[in-house]
């Protein structure tokens, strides 16, 4: 008889057990969803920050290019004569570097768009408008000055 004795309040015992399990699952589910949302936000912020740093790197490379070009032109300009083949590294999104005759400006082209600021390079002679193509991140050109000339001539290689 002891084995077949009915338990006291069997329905309440089972209801408490199932209710407790469901409440725990809901809290854990909300916590997991919240964690996933936070991870997505952190990943989006990380990718955005990486993009900003890469754009900053490209801008720095373009600034370094103009400074190096001006210093190489000045070196040739100070001498009585000479020629030098130079290679500069530029970001891949720069399609070509163009030289204009008016105001001795340097225009950096990104395909259909141009770099917002045109850079002026001193002591150069540009006979016509010409462009030097960026091939695999490198731009090659020749800087030369003949005896008796006052300005440096820039030509494409």
C-alpha atoms as a PDB file:
ATOM      1  CA  UNK A   1       0.000   0.000   0.000  1.00  0.00           C
ATOM      2  CA  UNK A   2       2.773   2.324   0.585  1.00  0.00           C
ATOM      3  CA  UNK A   3       3.904   2.148  -3.028  1.00  0.00           C
ATOM      4  CA  UNK A   4       0.475   3.086  -4.373  1.00  0.00           C
ATOM      5  CA  UNK A   5      -0.202   5.974  -2.014  1.00  0.00           C
ATOM      6  CA  UNK A   6      -1.321   9.136  -3.776  1.00  0.00           C
ATOM      7  CA  UNK A   7       0.942  12.130  -3.511  1.00  0.00           C
ATOM      8  CA  UNK A   8      -0.348  15.248  -1.909  1.00  0.00           C
ATOM      9  CA  UNK A   9      -1.237  17.913  -4.472  1.00  0.00           C
ATOM     10  CA  UNK A  10       0.414  16.402  -7.569  1.00  0.00           C
ATOM     11  CA  UNK A  11      -0.981  19.069  -9.936  1.00  0.00           C
ATOM     12  CA  UNK A  12       0.617  21.996  -8.097  1.00  0.00           C
ATOM     13  CA  UNK A  13       3.975  20.274  -7.955  1.00  0.00           C
ATOM     14  CA  UNK A  14       4.066  19.706 -11.709  1.00  0.00           C
ATOM     15  CA  UNK A  15       2.756  23.236 -12.467  1.00  0.00           C
ATOM     16  CA  UNK A  16       5.529  24.783 -10.365  1.00  0.00           C
ATOM     17  CA  UNK A  17       8.157  22.690 -12.073  1.00  0.00           C
ATOM     18  CA  UNK A  18       7.029  23.632 -15.605  1.00  0.00           C
ATOM     19  CA  UNK A  19       6.448  27.278 -14.776  1.00  0.00           C
ATOM     20  CA  UNK A  20       9.887  27.641 -13.287  1.00  0.00           C
ATOM     21  CA  UNK A  21      11.481  26.137 -16.403  1.00  0.00           C
ATOM     22  CA  UNK A  22       9.599  28.430 -18.795  1.00  0.00           C
ATOM     23  CA  UNK A  23      10.457  31.573 -16.859  1.00  0.00           C
ATOM     24  CA  UNK A  24      14.155  30.615 -16.865  1.00  0.00           C
ATOM     25  CA  UNK A  25      14.076  30.019 -20.591  1.00  0.00           C
ATOM     26  CA  UNK A  26      12.541  33.440 -21.256  1.00  0.00           C
ATOM     27  CA  UNK A  27      15.181  35.242 -19.217  1.00  0.00           C
ATOM     28  CA  UNK A  28      17.967  33.336 -20.892  1.00  0.00           C
ATOM     29  CA  UNK A  29      16.464  33.993 -24.325  1.00  0.00           C
ATOM     30  CA  UNK A  30      16.219  37.749 -23.697  1.00  0.00           C
ATOM     31  CA  UNK A  31      19.814  37.775 -22.451  1.00  0.00           C
ATOM     32  CA  UNK A  32      21.006  35.935 -25.549  1.00  0.00           C
ATOM     33  CA  UNK A  33      19.112  38.272 -27.881  1.00  0.00           C
ATOM     34  CA  UNK A  34      20.509  41.309 -26.069  1.00  0.00           C
ATOM     35  CA  UNK A  35      24.053  39.875 -26.325  1.00  0.00           C
ATOM     36  CA  UNK A  36      23.661  39.230 -30.044  1.00  0.00           C
ATOM     37  CA  UNK A  37      22.387  42.776 -30.610  1.00  0.00           C
ATOM     38  CA  UNK A  38      25.375  44.179 -28.694  1.00  0.00           C
ATOM     39  CA  UNK A  39      27.802  42.044 -30.727  1.00  0.00           C
ATOM     40  CA  UNK A  40      26.258  43.303 -33.982  1.00  0.00           C
ATOM     41  CA  UNK A  41      26.583  46.912 -32.800  1.00  0.00           C
ATOM     42  CA  UNK A  42      30.239  46.389 -31.794  1.00  0.00           C
ATOM     43  CA  UNK A  43      31.058  44.717 -35.130  1.00  0.00           C
ATOM     44  CA  UNK A  44      29.398  47.527 -37.093  1.00  0.00           C
ATOM     45  CA  UNK A  45      31.345  50.126 -35.111  1.00  0.00           C
ATOM     46  CA  UNK A  46      34.584  48.183 -35.666  1.00  0.00           C
ATOM     47  CA  UNK A  47      34.099  48.018 -39.450  1.00  0.00           C
ATOM     48  CA  UNK A  48      33.216  51.714 -39.542  1.00  0.00           C
ATOM     49  CA  UNK A  49      36.379  52.598 -37.578  1.00  0.00           C
ATOM     50  CA  UNK A  50      38.537  50.472 -39.901  1.00  0.00           C
ATOM     51  CA  UNK A  51      37.052  52.244 -42.936  1.00  0.00           C
ATOM     52  CA  UNK A  52      37.809  55.647 -41.401  1.00  0.00           C
ATOM     53  CA  UNK A  53      41.432  54.643 -40.692  1.00  0.00           C
ATOM     54  CA  UNK A  54      41.912  53.325 -44.240  1.00  0.00           C
ATOM     55  CA  UNK A  55      40.561  56.572 -45.698  1.00  0.00           C
ATOM     56  CA  UNK A  56      42.932  58.496 -43.427  1.00  0.00           C
ATOM     57  CA  UNK A  57      45.819  56.338 -44.693  1.00  0.00           C
ATOM     58  CA  UNK A  58      44.911  57.151 -48.307  1.00  0.00           C
ATOM     59  CA  UNK A  59      44.776  60.868 -47.561  1.00  0.00           C
ATOM     60  CA  UNK A  60      48.165  60.674 -45.839  1.00  0.00           C
ATOM     61  CA  UNK A  61      49.675  58.846 -48.835  1.00  0.00           C
ATOM     62  CA  UNK A  62      48.411  61.542 -51.205  1.00  0.00           C
ATOM     63  CA  UNK A  63      49.858  64.265 -48.963  1.00  0.00           C
ATOM     64  CA  UNK A  64      53.188  62.442 -48.792  1.00  0.00           C
ATOM     65  CA  UNK A  65      53.201  62.111 -52.589  1.00  0.00           C
ATOM     66  CA  UNK A  66      52.813  65.868 -53.130  1.00  0.00           C
ATOM     67  CA  UNK A  67      55.494  66.671 -50.546  1.00  0.00           C
ATOM     68  CA  UNK A  68      57.933  64.160 -52.051  1.00  0.00           C
ATOM     69  CA  UNK A  69      57.265  65.407 -55.593  1.00  0.00           C
ATOM     70  CA  UNK A  70      57.900  69.006 -54.548  1.00  0.00           C
ATOM     71  CA  UNK A  71      61.146  68.074 -52.768  1.00  0.00           C
ATOM     72  CA  UNK A  72      62.385  66.049 -55.788  1.00  0.00           C
ATOM     73  CA  UNK A  73      61.540  68.925 -58.139  1.00  0.00           C
ATOM     74  CA  UNK A  74      63.399  71.334 -55.826  1.00  0.00           C
ATOM     75  CA  UNK A  75      66.505  69.088 -55.795  1.00  0.00           C
ATOM     76  CA  UNK A  76      66.667  69.039 -59.597  1.00  0.00           C
ATOM     77  CA  UNK A  77      65.822  72.772 -59.804  1.00  0.00           C
ATOM     78  CA  UNK A  78      68.715  73.759 -57.502  1.00  0.00           C
ATOM     79  CA  UNK A  79      71.262  72.003 -59.707  1.00  0.00           C
ATOM     80  CA  UNK A  80      72.495  73.299 -63.050  1.00  0.00           C
ATOM     81  CA  UNK A  81      71.310  70.230 -64.952  1.00  0.00           C
ATOM     82  CA  UNK A  82      70.184  66.687 -64.365  1.00  0.00           C
ATOM     83  CA  UNK A  83      67.491  64.081 -64.767  1.00  0.00           C
ATOM     84  CA  UNK A  84      65.943  61.674 -62.363  1.00  0.00           C
ATOM     85  CA  UNK A  85      63.388  58.919 -62.791  1.00  0.00           C
ATOM     86  CA  UNK A  86      61.094  58.870 -59.759  1.00  0.00           C
ATOM     87  CA  UNK A  87      58.490  56.399 -58.539  1.00  0.00           C
ATOM     88  CA  UNK A  88      55.824  57.300 -56.025  1.00  0.00           C
ATOM     89  CA  UNK A  89      53.376  55.079 -54.174  1.00  0.00           C
ATOM     90  CA  UNK A  90      49.717  56.094 -54.233  1.00  0.00           C
ATOM     91  CA  UNK A  91      46.462  54.480 -53.094  1.00  0.00           C
ATOM     92  CA  UNK A  92      44.811  52.128 -55.567  1.00  0.00           C
ATOM     93  CA  UNK A  93      41.707  54.291 -55.875  1.00  0.00           C
ATOM     94  CA  UNK A  94      43.783  57.063 -57.520  1.00  0.00           C
ATOM     95  CA  UNK A  95      43.517  56.382 -61.246  1.00  0.00           C
ATOM     96  CA  UNK A  96      45.904  59.020 -62.587  1.00  0.00           C
ATOM     97  CA  UNK A  97      47.907  62.121 -61.770  1.00  0.00           C
ATOM     98  CA  UNK A  98      47.369  65.011 -64.189  1.00  0.00           C
ATOM     99  CA  UNK A  99      49.462  68.141 -64.685  1.00  0.00           C
ATOM    100  CA  UNK A 100      47.861  71.347 -65.958  1.00  0.00           C
ATOM    101  CA  UNK A 101      49.707  74.192 -67.623  1.00  0.00           C
ATOM    102  CA  UNK A 102      47.624  76.881 -65.901  1.00  0.00           C
ATOM    103  CA  UNK A 103      49.068  77.882 -62.525  1.00  0.00           C
ATOM    104  CA  UNK A 104      51.275  74.773 -62.557  1.00  0.00           C
ATOM    105  CA  UNK A 105      48.610  72.780 -60.740  1.00  0.00           C
ATOM    106  CA  UNK A 106      48.682  69.100 -59.992  1.00  0.00           C
ATOM    107  CA  UNK A 107      45.319  67.378 -60.224  1.00  0.00           C
ATOM    108  CA  UNK A 108      44.819  63.965 -58.645  1.00  0.00           C
ATOM    109  CA  UNK A 109      42.059  62.023 -60.411  1.00  0.00           C
ATOM    110  CA  UNK A 110      39.936  59.220 -59.001  1.00  0.00           C
ATOM    111  CA  UNK A 111      38.468  58.119 -62.290  1.00  0.00           C
ATOM    112  CA  UNK A 112      35.392  60.287 -62.847  1.00  0.00           C
ATOM    113  CA  UNK A 113      36.035  62.363 -59.695  1.00  0.00           C
ATOM    114  CA  UNK A 114      39.056  64.512 -58.847  1.00  0.00           C
ATOM    115  CA  UNK A 115      40.748  65.182 -55.539  1.00  0.00           C
ATOM    116  CA  UNK A 116      38.989  68.195 -54.044  1.00  0.00           C
ATOM    117  CA  UNK A 117      42.158  70.258 -53.618  1.00  0.00           C
ATOM    118  CA  UNK A 118      44.462  70.932 -56.504  1.00  0.00           C
ATOM    119  CA  UNK A 119      48.073  71.110 -55.399  1.00  0.00           C
ATOM    120  CA  UNK A 120      50.478  73.696 -56.781  1.00  0.00           C
ATOM    121  CA  UNK A 121      53.975  72.447 -57.505  1.00  0.00           C
ATOM    122  CA  UNK A 122      56.616  75.168 -57.809  1.00  0.00           C
ATOM    123  CA  UNK A 123      59.568  75.287 -60.224  1.00  0.00           C
ATOM    124  CA  UNK A 124      58.072  73.014 -62.893  1.00  0.00           C
ATOM    125  CA  UNK A 125      57.400  73.593 -66.567  1.00  0.00           C
ATOM    126  CA  UNK A 126      54.374  71.929 -68.095  1.00  0.00           C
ATOM    127  CA  UNK A 127      53.986  72.357 -71.828  1.00  0.00           C
ATOM    128  CA  UNK A 128      50.590  70.708 -72.188  1.00  0.00           C
ATOM    129  CA  UNK A 129      48.002  69.023 -70.047  1.00  0.00           C
ATOM    130  CA  UNK A 130      49.167  65.455 -69.512  1.00  0.00           C
ATOM    131  CA  UNK A 131      48.421  62.601 -67.145  1.00  0.00           C
ATOM    132  CA  UNK A 132      50.476  59.800 -65.624  1.00  0.00           C
ATOM    133  CA  UNK A 133      48.569  56.595 -64.964  1.00  0.00           C
ATOM    134  CA  UNK A 134      48.683  54.878 -61.578  1.00  0.00           C
ATOM    135  CA  UNK A 135      49.700  51.268 -62.261  1.00  0.00           C
ATOM    136  CA  UNK A 136      49.357  48.908 -59.299  1.00  0.00           C
ATOM    137  CA  UNK A 137      49.738  51.756 -56.813  1.00  0.00           C
ATOM    138  CA  UNK A 138      52.864  53.244 -58.433  1.00  0.00           C
ATOM    139  CA  UNK A 139      53.346  56.359 -60.525  1.00  0.00           C
ATOM    140  CA  UNK A 140      56.569  56.709 -62.527  1.00  0.00           C
ATOM    141  CA  UNK A 141      57.780  59.942 -64.113  1.00  0.00           C
ATOM    142  CA  UNK A 142      60.992  61.649 -65.178  1.00  0.00           C
ATOM    143  CA  UNK A 143      62.116  64.991 -63.747  1.00  0.00           C
ATOM    144  CA  UNK A 144      64.757  66.738 -65.857  1.00  0.00           C
ATOM    145  CA  UNK A 145      66.486  70.060 -66.246  1.00  0.00           C
ATOM    146  CA  UNK A 146      68.904  70.952 -69.005  1.00  0.00           C
ATOM    147  CA  UNK A 147      71.789  73.372 -68.678  1.00  0.00           C
ATOM    148  CA  UNK A 148      70.557  76.947 -68.924  1.00  0.00           C
ATOM    149  CA  UNK A 149      66.900  76.162 -68.206  1.00  0.00           C
ATOM    150  CA  UNK A 150      65.232  77.747 -65.216  1.00  0.00           C
ATOM    151  CA  UNK A 151      62.453  75.233 -64.577  1.00  0.00           C
ATOM    152  CA  UNK A 152      62.210  71.456 -64.203  1.00  0.00           C
ATOM    153  CA  UNK A 153      60.399  69.518 -66.935  1.00  0.00           C
ATOM    154  CA  UNK A 154      58.111  66.692 -65.845  1.00  0.00           C
ATOM    155  CA  UNK A 155      57.430  63.934 -68.349  1.00  0.00           C
ATOM    156  CA  UNK A 156      55.738  60.566 -68.172  1.00  0.00           C
ATOM    157  CA  UNK A 157      57.981  57.571 -68.373  1.00  0.00           C
END
